[in-house]
Amino acid sequence: MVIHIQEKDYLVLYTVRKTTELEEYRCRKVGEAGEREYRALRIASSAVWPELVSYLMEQVHSQSFHEFVDYATEADFLTVLMDCGQGVSMARVILGEKPSLAQRLAMGKKLLEHLLLADFPPYFLYAAMGAERIKINAAMDFGFDFDFSDFLRFETVDFSMACKRMGDVFEILFLQEQKQRAIPELERLVYGLRHNQFSQLLPVFQEMEGICVRWEGRDEKELENHSFGFRLWEKIKGLGRFSVVFAKLAVILAAGAYLALSVYDFMQPERPGQVYEQIGDLEIRR
């Protein structure tokens, strides 16, 4: 099957999904060299409404959102074409190649930079997020296998929903550090993404950039000194040292109190003894 859009042909590799309202296909551009892939969505005319067409027109006229290639209308379908780029999934890179912390920090920063410069609209940002959907090549260029299962409900997706998915991506990207709780700034970033603490992408990028400045050049062994377990042990040891000092001080204070009480008793006038027994005129006192 070949999909024709704007005088270009796209060969369908396979069908991603097919419903009464929406068909989704993975494609290659006919005559294009390389491994770049595309996604074609064919929306039944009965499911198209003016707000959707207006939204698609905005994406076509965007000067930065290059992942959106074009759309075209036919008698029975409205076709949307997306550029998915090339490379392998981020999940596969993390599990297979086990990149270093420095490499993963660079990946996180570069990903946010790409999303920021491309000015992804909230729905497309939401559809792009997922460690299995984000693609990366050797040059650290990104592509996205967008999840368009709910494309017809794009108006219900906001930035906070996209951020939650982005938080999941960074959780996976820095899974070991999250388990160790070795980089508190990353914990705060992931928490902020998942709990609606960001209203736009620029502050997210700035947070990530700050983390890179602090951690990018460090040896991963140094993380042990910043892990939650290590920090907790240091606090316990600190409390132990405090306890020893406190115990010594308590002994000194107790000895001083005992000495003062002894001196006080010694200086008191002798009190009359108590009569325990009397034999005639003889009194036995103690």
C-alpha atoms as a PDB file:
ATOM      1  CA  MET A   1       0.000   0.000   0.000  1.00  0.00           C
ATOM      2  CA  VAL A   2       1.261   3.488  -0.889  1.00  0.00           C
ATOM      3  CA  ILE A   3      -0.033   6.700   0.688  1.00  0.00           C
ATOM      4  CA  HIS A   4       0.186   9.762  -1.559  1.00  0.00           C
ATOM      5  CA  ILE A   5       0.403  13.156   0.135  1.00  0.00           C
ATOM      6  CA  GLN A   6       1.548  16.489  -1.262  1.00  0.00           C
ATOM      7  CA  GLU A   7       3.062  14.900  -4.405  1.00  0.00           C
ATOM      8  CA  LYS A   8       5.147  12.430  -2.382  1.00  0.00           C
ATOM      9  CA  ASP A   9       4.638   8.705  -1.935  1.00  0.00           C
ATOM     10  CA  TYR A  10       5.042   6.787   1.323  1.00  0.00           C
ATOM     11  CA  LEU A  11       5.267   3.016   1.321  1.00  0.00           C
ATOM     12  CA  VAL A  12       3.350   1.397   4.176  1.00  0.00           C
ATOM     13  CA  LEU A  13       5.575  -1.023   6.116  1.00  0.00           C
ATOM     14  CA  TYR A  14       2.834  -2.230   8.433  1.00  0.00           C
ATOM     15  CA  THR A  15      -0.413  -1.236  10.123  1.00  0.00           C
ATOM     16  CA  VAL A  16      -0.087   0.095  13.688  1.00  0.00           C
ATOM     17  CA  ARG A  17      -3.827   0.211  14.424  1.00  0.00           C
ATOM     18  CA  LYS A  18      -7.099   0.388  12.564  1.00  0.00           C
ATOM     19  CA  THR A  19     -10.511   1.453  13.882  1.00  0.00           C
ATOM     20  CA  THR A  20     -13.648   2.829  12.292  1.00  0.00           C
ATOM     21  CA  GLU A  21     -12.419   6.385  12.901  1.00  0.00           C
ATOM     22  CA  LEU A  22      -8.644   6.198  12.582  1.00  0.00           C
ATOM     23  CA  GLU A  23      -6.053   4.167  10.705  1.00  0.00           C
ATOM     24  CA  GLU A  24      -2.361   4.411  11.609  1.00  0.00           C
ATOM     25  CA  TYR A  25       0.538   3.146   9.494  1.00  0.00           C
ATOM     26  CA  ARG A  26       4.325   2.974   9.702  1.00  0.00           C
ATOM     27  CA  CYS A  27       5.850   4.159   6.408  1.00  0.00           C
ATOM     28  CA  ARG A  28       9.014   4.872   4.458  1.00  0.00           C
ATOM     29  CA  LYS A  29       9.317   7.667   1.925  1.00  0.00           C
ATOM     30  CA  VAL A  30       9.712   6.238  -1.567  1.00  0.00           C
ATOM     31  CA  GLY A  31      13.137   7.050  -3.000  1.00  0.00           C
ATOM     32  CA  GLU A  32      14.573   8.389   0.283  1.00  0.00           C
ATOM     33  CA  ALA A  33      17.884   6.883   1.401  1.00  0.00           C
ATOM     34  CA  GLY A  34      18.496   5.912   5.024  1.00  0.00           C
ATOM     35  CA  GLU A  35      16.343   4.439   7.753  1.00  0.00           C
ATOM     36  CA  ARG A  36      14.035   7.403   8.427  1.00  0.00           C
ATOM     37  CA  GLU A  37      10.462   6.376   9.155  1.00  0.00           C
ATOM     38  CA  TYR A  38       7.107   8.146   9.116  1.00  0.00           C
ATOM     39  CA  ARG A  39       3.682   7.687  10.649  1.00  0.00           C
ATOM     40  CA  ALA A  40       0.566   8.251   8.599  1.00  0.00           C
ATOM     41  CA  LEU A  41      -2.801   8.760  10.275  1.00  0.00           C
ATOM     42  CA  ARG A  42      -5.886   8.489   8.139  1.00  0.00           C
ATOM     43  CA  ILE A  43      -8.902   9.952   9.917  1.00  0.00           C
ATOM     44  CA  ALA A  44     -12.368   9.117   8.597  1.00  0.00           C
ATOM     45  CA  SER A  45     -14.164  12.190   7.272  1.00  0.00           C
ATOM     46  CA  SER A  46     -17.046  11.528   9.662  1.00  0.00           C
ATOM     47  CA  ALA A  47     -14.654  12.038  12.619  1.00  0.00           C
ATOM     48  CA  VAL A  48     -13.172  15.329  11.363  1.00  0.00           C
ATOM     49  CA  TRP A  49     -14.429  18.605  12.823  1.00  0.00           C
ATOM     50  CA  PRO A  50     -13.368  22.253  12.204  1.00  0.00           C
ATOM     51  CA  GLU A  51     -11.301  22.557  15.426  1.00  0.00           C
ATOM     52  CA  LEU A  52      -9.182  19.592  14.358  1.00  0.00           C
ATOM     53  CA  VAL A  53      -8.469  21.094  10.928  1.00  0.00           C
ATOM     54  CA  SER A  54      -7.580  24.427  12.536  1.00  0.00           C
ATOM     55  CA  TYR A  55      -5.210  22.643  14.929  1.00  0.00           C
ATOM     56  CA  LEU A  56      -3.479  20.832  12.079  1.00  0.00           C
ATOM     57  CA  MET A  57      -3.093  24.087  10.157  1.00  0.00           C
ATOM     58  CA  GLU A  58      -1.261  25.575  13.156  1.00  0.00           C
ATOM     59  CA  GLN A  59       1.238  22.720  13.078  1.00  0.00           C
ATOM     60  CA  VAL A  60       1.849  23.066   9.329  1.00  0.00           C
ATOM     61  CA  HIS A  61       2.683  26.747   9.720  1.00  0.00           C
ATOM     62  CA  SER A  62       4.989  26.194  12.687  1.00  0.00           C
ATOM     63  CA  GLN A  63       8.569  27.152  11.826  1.00  0.00           C
ATOM     64  CA  SER A  64      10.085  24.867  14.473  1.00  0.00           C
ATOM     65  CA  PHE A  65       7.918  21.748  14.839  1.00  0.00           C
ATOM     66  CA  HIS A  66       9.571  19.763  12.034  1.00  0.00           C
ATOM     67  CA  GLU A  67       8.198  16.406  13.188  1.00  0.00           C
ATOM     68  CA  PHE A  68       4.852  17.484  11.726  1.00  0.00           C
ATOM     69  CA  VAL A  69       5.323  16.984   7.976  1.00  0.00           C
ATOM     70  CA  ASP A  70       1.924  17.814   6.479  1.00  0.00           C
ATOM     71  CA  TYR A  71      -1.729  16.908   6.217  1.00  0.00           C
ATOM     72  CA  ALA A  72      -4.118  16.547   3.307  1.00  0.00           C
ATOM     73  CA  THR A  73      -7.845  16.066   2.850  1.00  0.00           C
ATOM     74  CA  GLU A  74      -9.527  13.538   0.604  1.00  0.00           C
ATOM     75  CA  ALA A  75     -13.115  12.510   0.025  1.00  0.00           C
ATOM     76  CA  ASP A  76     -13.128   9.807   2.694  1.00  0.00           C
ATOM     77  CA  PHE A  77     -10.081  10.611   4.823  1.00  0.00           C
ATOM     78  CA  LEU A  78      -7.979  13.360   6.319  1.00  0.00           C
ATOM     79  CA  THR A  79      -4.337  12.184   6.296  1.00  0.00           C
ATOM     80  CA  VAL A  80      -1.722  13.421   8.781  1.00  0.00           C
ATOM     81  CA  LEU A  81       1.965  12.632   8.209  1.00  0.00           C
ATOM     82  CA  MET A  82       4.605  12.687  10.978  1.00  0.00           C
ATOM     83  CA  ASP A  83       8.385  12.360  10.711  1.00  0.00           C
ATOM     84  CA  CYS A  84       9.565   9.760  13.258  1.00  0.00           C
ATOM     85  CA  GLY A  85      13.280  10.176  12.536  1.00  0.00           C
ATOM     86  CA  GLN A  86      15.702   7.291  12.871  1.00  0.00           C
ATOM     87  CA  GLY A  87      17.686   5.457  15.514  1.00  0.00           C
ATOM     88  CA  VAL A  88      16.863   2.992  18.291  1.00  0.00           C
ATOM     89  CA  SER A  89      14.661   3.457  21.317  1.00  0.00           C
ATOM     90  CA  MET A  90      16.082   5.102  24.418  1.00  0.00           C
ATOM     91  CA  ALA A  91      14.969   2.077  26.465  1.00  0.00           C
ATOM     92  CA  ARG A  92      17.045  -0.216  24.261  1.00  0.00           C
ATOM     93  CA  VAL A  93      20.093   2.049  24.558  1.00  0.00           C
ATOM     94  CA  ILE A  94      19.821   2.179  28.356  1.00  0.00           C
ATOM     95  CA  LEU A  95      19.361  -1.567  28.788  1.00  0.00           C
ATOM     96  CA  GLY A  96      21.727  -2.719  26.055  1.00  0.00           C
ATOM     97  CA  GLU A  97      24.604  -0.264  26.054  1.00  0.00           C
ATOM     98  CA  LYS A  98      24.400   0.755  29.730  1.00  0.00           C
ATOM     99  CA  PRO A  99      25.626   4.312  29.129  1.00  0.00           C
ATOM    100  CA  SER A 100      27.530   6.114  31.875  1.00  0.00           C
ATOM    101  CA  LEU A 101      25.997   8.783  34.072  1.00  0.00           C
ATOM    102  CA  ALA A 102      27.714  11.500  32.005  1.00  0.00           C
ATOM    103  CA  GLN A 103      26.259  10.054  28.795  1.00  0.00           C
ATOM    104  CA  ARG A 104      22.776   9.791  30.284  1.00  0.00           C
ATOM    105  CA  LEU A 105      22.937  13.347  31.613  1.00  0.00           C
ATOM    106  CA  ALA A 106      23.902  14.497  28.117  1.00  0.00           C
ATOM    107  CA  MET A 107      20.986  12.519  26.653  1.00  0.00           C
ATOM    108  CA  GLY A 108      18.511  14.072  29.082  1.00  0.00           C
ATOM    109  CA  LYS A 109      19.728  17.586  28.429  1.00  0.00           C
ATOM    110  CA  LYS A 110      19.824  17.094  24.644  1.00  0.00           C
ATOM    111  CA  LEU A 111      16.293  15.654  24.657  1.00  0.00           C
ATOM    112  CA  LEU A 112      14.898  18.653  26.525  1.00  0.00           C
ATOM    113  CA  GLU A 113      16.804  21.009  24.245  1.00  0.00           C
ATOM    114  CA  HIS A 114      15.279  19.315  21.188  1.00  0.00           C
ATOM    115  CA  LEU A 115      11.744  19.518  22.607  1.00  0.00           C
ATOM    116  CA  LEU A 116      12.232  23.149  23.616  1.00  0.00           C
ATOM    117  CA  LEU A 117      13.618  24.303  20.275  1.00  0.00           C
ATOM    118  CA  ALA A 118      10.949  22.372  18.359  1.00  0.00           C
ATOM    119  CA  ASP A 119       8.262  23.995  20.524  1.00  0.00           C
ATOM    120  CA  PHE A 120       6.217  20.792  20.809  1.00  0.00           C
ATOM    121  CA  PRO A 121       2.513  21.495  21.404  1.00  0.00           C
ATOM    122  CA  PRO A 122       1.186  19.786  24.578  1.00  0.00           C
ATOM    123  CA  TYR A 123      -0.585  16.950  22.789  1.00  0.00           C
ATOM    124  CA  PHE A 124       2.391  16.033  20.597  1.00  0.00           C
ATOM    125  CA  LEU A 125       4.721  16.297  23.593  1.00  0.00           C
ATOM    126  CA  TYR A 126       2.409  13.887  25.419  1.00  0.00           C
ATOM    127  CA  ALA A 127       2.296  11.527  22.418  1.00  0.00           C
ATOM    128  CA  ALA A 128       6.107  11.554  22.077  1.00  0.00           C
ATOM    129  CA  MET A 129       7.015  10.748  25.677  1.00  0.00           C
ATOM    130  CA  GLY A 130       7.990   7.189  26.550  1.00  0.00           C
ATOM    131  CA  ALA A 131      11.359   5.451  26.796  1.00  0.00           C
ATOM    132  CA  GLU A 132      10.196   3.013  24.098  1.00  0.00           C
ATOM    133  CA  ARG A 133       8.924   5.812  21.844  1.00  0.00           C
ATOM    134  CA  ILE A 134      11.917   8.159  22.024  1.00  0.00           C
ATOM    135  CA  LYS A 135      14.492   7.242  19.368  1.00  0.00           C
ATOM    136  CA  ILE A 136      18.130   8.286  19.401  1.00  0.00           C
ATOM    137  CA  ASN A 137      21.012   7.759  16.968  1.00  0.00           C
ATOM    138  CA  ALA A 138      24.801   7.898  17.305  1.00  0.00           C
ATOM    139  CA  ALA A 139      24.835  11.656  16.650  1.00  0.00           C
ATOM    140  CA  MET A 140      22.324  12.073  19.500  1.00  0.00           C
ATOM    141  CA  ASP A 141      19.558  13.197  17.169  1.00  0.00           C
ATOM    142  CA  PHE A 142      16.066  12.366  18.357  1.00  0.00           C
ATOM    143  CA  GLY A 143      13.004  10.940  16.703  1.00  0.00           C
ATOM    144  CA  PHE A 144       9.668   9.858  18.138  1.00  0.00           C
ATOM    145  CA  ASP A 145       7.324   6.934  17.555  1.00  0.00           C
ATOM    146  CA  PHE A 146       4.298   8.982  18.541  1.00  0.00           C
ATOM    147  CA  ASP A 147       1.452   7.282  20.374  1.00  0.00           C
ATOM    148  CA  PHE A 148      -1.653   8.485  18.508  1.00  0.00           C
ATOM    149  CA  SER A 149      -4.172   6.145  20.129  1.00  0.00           C
ATOM    150  CA  ASP A 150      -6.151   9.125  21.458  1.00  0.00           C
ATOM    151  CA  PHE A 151      -5.399  11.626  18.689  1.00  0.00           C
ATOM    152  CA  LEU A 152      -9.055  12.556  18.258  1.00  0.00           C
ATOM    153  CA  ARG A 153      -9.127  13.743  21.877  1.00  0.00           C
ATOM    154  CA  PHE A 154      -6.129  16.050  21.544  1.00  0.00           C
ATOM    155  CA  GLU A 155      -8.011  18.940  23.187  1.00  0.00           C
ATOM    156  CA  THR A 156      -8.210  17.075  26.500  1.00  0.00           C
ATOM    157  CA  VAL A 157      -4.426  16.747  26.819  1.00  0.00           C
ATOM    158  CA  ASP A 158      -2.596  19.546  28.630  1.00  0.00           C
ATOM    159  CA  PHE A 159       1.034  20.252  29.550  1.00  0.00           C
ATOM    160  CA  SER A 160       0.738  18.647  32.993  1.00  0.00           C
ATOM    161  CA  MET A 161      -0.248  15.323  31.415  1.00  0.00           C
ATOM    162  CA  ALA A 162       2.777  15.513  29.113  1.00  0.00           C
ATOM    163  CA  CYS A 163       5.004  16.296  32.109  1.00  0.00           C
ATOM    164  CA  LYS A 164       3.863  13.174  33.965  1.00  0.00           C
ATOM    165  CA  ARG A 165       4.986  11.042  31.028  1.00  0.00           C
ATOM    166  CA  MET A 166       8.234  12.984  30.854  1.00  0.00           C
ATOM    167  CA  GLY A 167       8.790  12.251  34.545  1.00  0.00           C
ATOM    168  CA  ASP A 168       8.475   8.536  33.748  1.00  0.00           C
ATOM    169  CA  VAL A 169      11.119   8.909  31.019  1.00  0.00           C
ATOM    170  CA  PHE A 170      13.605  10.548  33.392  1.00  0.00           C
ATOM    171  CA  GLU A 171      12.835   7.948  36.058  1.00  0.00           C
ATOM    172  CA  ILE A 172      13.953   5.232  33.621  1.00  0.00           C
ATOM    173  CA  LEU A 173      16.896   7.230  32.270  1.00  0.00           C
ATOM    174  CA  PHE A 174      18.290   7.646  35.801  1.00  0.00           C
ATOM    175  CA  LEU A 175      16.861   4.513  37.381  1.00  0.00           C
ATOM    176  CA  GLN A 176      19.960   3.529  39.390  1.00  0.00           C
ATOM    177  CA  GLU A 177      20.472   7.046  40.758  1.00  0.00           C
ATOM    178  CA  GLN A 178      16.794   7.172  41.704  1.00  0.00           C
ATOM    179  CA  LYS A 179      17.083   3.881  43.575  1.00  0.00           C
ATOM    180  CA  GLN A 180      20.187   5.102  45.439  1.00  0.00           C
ATOM    181  CA  ARG A 181      18.670   8.563  45.909  1.00  0.00           C
ATOM    182  CA  ALA A 182      22.162   9.707  45.007  1.00  0.00           C
ATOM    183  CA  ILE A 183      21.269  12.923  43.154  1.00  0.00           C
ATOM    184  CA  PRO A 184      18.668  14.915  45.127  1.00  0.00           C
ATOM    185  CA  GLU A 185      18.262  17.427  42.277  1.00  0.00           C
ATOM    186  CA  LEU A 186      17.096  14.633  39.966  1.00  0.00           C
ATOM    187  CA  GLU A 187      14.611  13.464  42.591  1.00  0.00           C
ATOM    188  CA  ARG A 188      13.187  16.986  42.754  1.00  0.00           C
ATOM    189  CA  LEU A 189      13.024  17.225  38.948  1.00  0.00           C
ATOM    190  CA  VAL A 190      11.149  13.923  38.564  1.00  0.00           C
ATOM    191  CA  TYR A 191       8.839  14.802  41.458  1.00  0.00           C
ATOM    192  CA  GLY A 192       8.145  18.224  39.959  1.00  0.00           C
ATOM    193  CA  LEU A 193       7.290  16.743  36.565  1.00  0.00           C
ATOM    194  CA  ARG A 194       4.906  14.235  38.115  1.00  0.00           C
ATOM    195  CA  HIS A 195       3.229  16.716  40.464  1.00  0.00           C
ATOM    196  CA  ASN A 196       2.447  19.606  38.130  1.00  0.00           C
ATOM    197  CA  GLN A 197       5.180  21.967  39.360  1.00  0.00           C
ATOM    198  CA  PHE A 198       6.088  23.149  35.842  1.00  0.00           C
ATOM    199  CA  SER A 199       3.894  25.237  33.549  1.00  0.00           C
ATOM    200  CA  GLN A 200       6.286  25.334  30.594  1.00  0.00           C
ATOM    201  CA  LEU A 201       9.309  23.490  29.239  1.00  0.00           C
ATOM    202  CA  LEU A 202      12.004  26.147  29.705  1.00  0.00           C
ATOM    203  CA  PRO A 203      12.252  25.778  33.533  1.00  0.00           C
ATOM    204  CA  VAL A 204      12.516  21.991  33.089  1.00  0.00           C
ATOM    205  CA  PHE A 205      15.460  22.472  30.719  1.00  0.00           C
ATOM    206  CA  GLN A 206      17.093  24.960  33.116  1.00  0.00           C
ATOM    207  CA  GLU A 207      16.774  22.491  36.010  1.00  0.00           C
ATOM    208  CA  MET A 208      18.376  19.759  33.897  1.00  0.00           C
ATOM    209  CA  GLU A 209      21.134  22.080  32.748  1.00  0.00           C
ATOM    210  CA  GLY A 210      21.971  22.889  36.373  1.00  0.00           C
ATOM    211  CA  ILE A 211      22.139  19.192  37.246  1.00  0.00           C
ATOM    212  CA  CYS A 212      24.531  18.613  34.330  1.00  0.00           C
ATOM    213  CA  VAL A 213      26.797  21.456  35.440  1.00  0.00           C
ATOM    214  CA  ARG A 214      27.078  19.950  38.917  1.00  0.00           C
ATOM    215  CA  TRP A 215      27.302  16.235  38.087  1.00  0.00           C
ATOM    216  CA  GLU A 216      28.438  15.704  34.496  1.00  0.00           C
ATOM    217  CA  GLY A 217      32.176  15.464  35.190  1.00  0.00           C
ATOM    218  CA  ARG A 218      31.993  13.354  38.352  1.00  0.00           C
ATOM    219  CA  ASP A 219      33.085   9.780  38.783  1.00  0.00           C
ATOM    220  CA  GLU A 220      30.086   7.504  39.334  1.00  0.00           C
ATOM    221  CA  LYS A 221      31.787   6.101  42.436  1.00  0.00           C
ATOM    222  CA  GLU A 222      31.284   9.505  44.031  1.00  0.00           C
ATOM    223  CA  LEU A 223      27.544   8.861  43.934  1.00  0.00           C
ATOM    224  CA  GLU A 224      27.952   6.449  46.834  1.00  0.00           C
ATOM    225  CA  ASN A 225      28.890   9.386  49.034  1.00  0.00           C
ATOM    226  CA  HIS A 226      25.647  11.115  48.087  1.00  0.00           C
ATOM    227  CA  SER A 227      23.286   8.156  48.239  1.00  0.00           C
ATOM    228  CA  PHE A 228      20.394   8.161  50.686  1.00  0.00           C
ATOM    229  CA  GLY A 229      21.876   5.208  52.602  1.00  0.00           C
ATOM    230  CA  PHE A 230      25.231   6.930  52.985  1.00  0.00           C
ATOM    231  CA  ARG A 231      23.631  10.195  54.087  1.00  0.00           C
ATOM    232  CA  LEU A 232      21.450   8.355  56.607  1.00  0.00           C
ATOM    233  CA  TRP A 233      24.481   6.500  58.036  1.00  0.00           C
ATOM    234  CA  GLU A 234      26.385   9.760  58.389  1.00  0.00           C
ATOM    235  CA  LYS A 235      23.458  11.216  60.322  1.00  0.00           C
ATOM    236  CA  ILE A 236      23.297   8.153  62.557  1.00  0.00           C
ATOM    237  CA  LYS A 237      27.037   8.399  63.225  1.00  0.00           C
ATOM    238  CA  GLY A 238      26.610  12.065  63.969  1.00  0.00           C
ATOM    239  CA  LEU A 239      23.865  11.255  66.449  1.00  0.00           C
ATOM    240  CA  GLY A 240      26.172   8.607  67.971  1.00  0.00           C
ATOM    241  CA  ARG A 241      28.944  11.146  68.503  1.00  0.00           C
ATOM    242  CA  PHE A 242      26.418  13.512  70.022  1.00  0.00           C
ATOM    243  CA  SER A 243      25.168  10.744  72.334  1.00  0.00           C
ATOM    244  CA  VAL A 244      28.713  10.029  73.603  1.00  0.00           C
ATOM    245  CA  VAL A 245      29.306  13.713  74.323  1.00  0.00           C
ATOM    246  CA  PHE A 246      25.908  13.982  75.997  1.00  0.00           C
ATOM    247  CA  ALA A 247      26.617  10.903  78.168  1.00  0.00           C
ATOM    248  CA  LYS A 248      29.973  12.307  79.285  1.00  0.00           C
ATOM    249  CA  LEU A 249      28.380  15.627  80.111  1.00  0.00           C
ATOM    250  CA  ALA A 250      25.609  13.886  82.051  1.00  0.00           C
ATOM    251  CA  VAL A 251      28.173  11.962  84.166  1.00  0.00           C
ATOM    252  CA  ILE A 252      30.087  15.178  84.953  1.00  0.00           C
ATOM    253  CA  LEU A 253      26.875  16.980  85.906  1.00  0.00           C
ATOM    254  CA  ALA A 254      25.733  14.051  88.072  1.00  0.00           C
ATOM    255  CA  ALA A 255      29.113  13.910  89.883  1.00  0.00           C
ATOM    256  CA  GLY A 256      28.986  17.658  90.459  1.00  0.00           C
ATOM    257  CA  ALA A 257      25.444  17.450  91.793  1.00  0.00           C
ATOM    258  CA  TYR A 258      26.418  14.597  94.159  1.00  0.00           C
ATOM    259  CA  LEU A 259      29.439  16.549  95.438  1.00  0.00           C
ATOM    260  CA  ALA A 260      27.369  19.671  96.024  1.00  0.00           C
ATOM    261  CA  LEU A 261      24.740  17.688  97.895  1.00  0.00           C
ATOM    262  CA  SER A 262      27.400  16.053 100.086  1.00  0.00           C
ATOM    263  CA  VAL A 263      28.936  19.431 100.978  1.00  0.00           C
ATOM    264  CA  TYR A 264      25.500  20.818 101.711  1.00  0.00           C
ATOM    265  CA  ASP A 265      24.667  17.935 104.098  1.00  0.00           C
ATOM    266  CA  PHE A 266      28.049  18.240 105.825  1.00  0.00           C
ATOM    267  CA  MET A 267      27.543  21.913 106.594  1.00  0.00           C
ATOM    268  CA  GLN A 268      24.080  21.483 108.126  1.00  0.00           C
ATOM    269  CA  PRO A 269      23.884  21.692 112.032  1.00  0.00           C
ATOM    270  CA  GLU A 270      23.528  18.358 113.816  1.00  0.00           C
ATOM    271  CA  ARG A 271      19.948  17.476 114.417  1.00  0.00           C
ATOM    272  CA  PRO A 272      18.766  15.859 117.721  1.00  0.00           C
ATOM    273  CA  GLY A 273      18.928  12.097 117.584  1.00  0.00           C
ATOM    274  CA  GLN A 274      15.805  10.008 117.674  1.00  0.00           C
ATOM    275  CA  VAL A 275      15.154   7.939 120.815  1.00  0.00           C
ATOM    276  CA  TYR A 276      14.763   4.315 119.971  1.00  0.00           C
ATOM    277  CA  GLU A 277      14.949   2.739 123.386  1.00  0.00           C
ATOM    278  CA  GLN A 278      15.181   3.836 127.056  1.00  0.00           C
ATOM    279  CA  ILE A 279      16.345   1.784 130.054  1.00  0.00           C
ATOM    280  CA  GLY A 280      15.857   3.732 133.198  1.00  0.00           C
ATOM    281  CA  ASP A 281      17.655   7.077 132.845  1.00  0.00           C
ATOM    282  CA  LEU A 282      19.767   5.764 129.939  1.00  0.00           C
ATOM    283  CA  GLU A 283      18.662   6.808 126.469  1.00  0.00           C
ATOM    284  CA  ILE A 284      19.934   5.084 123.392  1.00  0.00           C
ATOM    285  CA  ARG A 285      20.082   7.461 120.444  1.00  0.00           C
ATOM    286  CA  ARG A 286      21.202   7.183 116.816  1.00  0.00           C
END
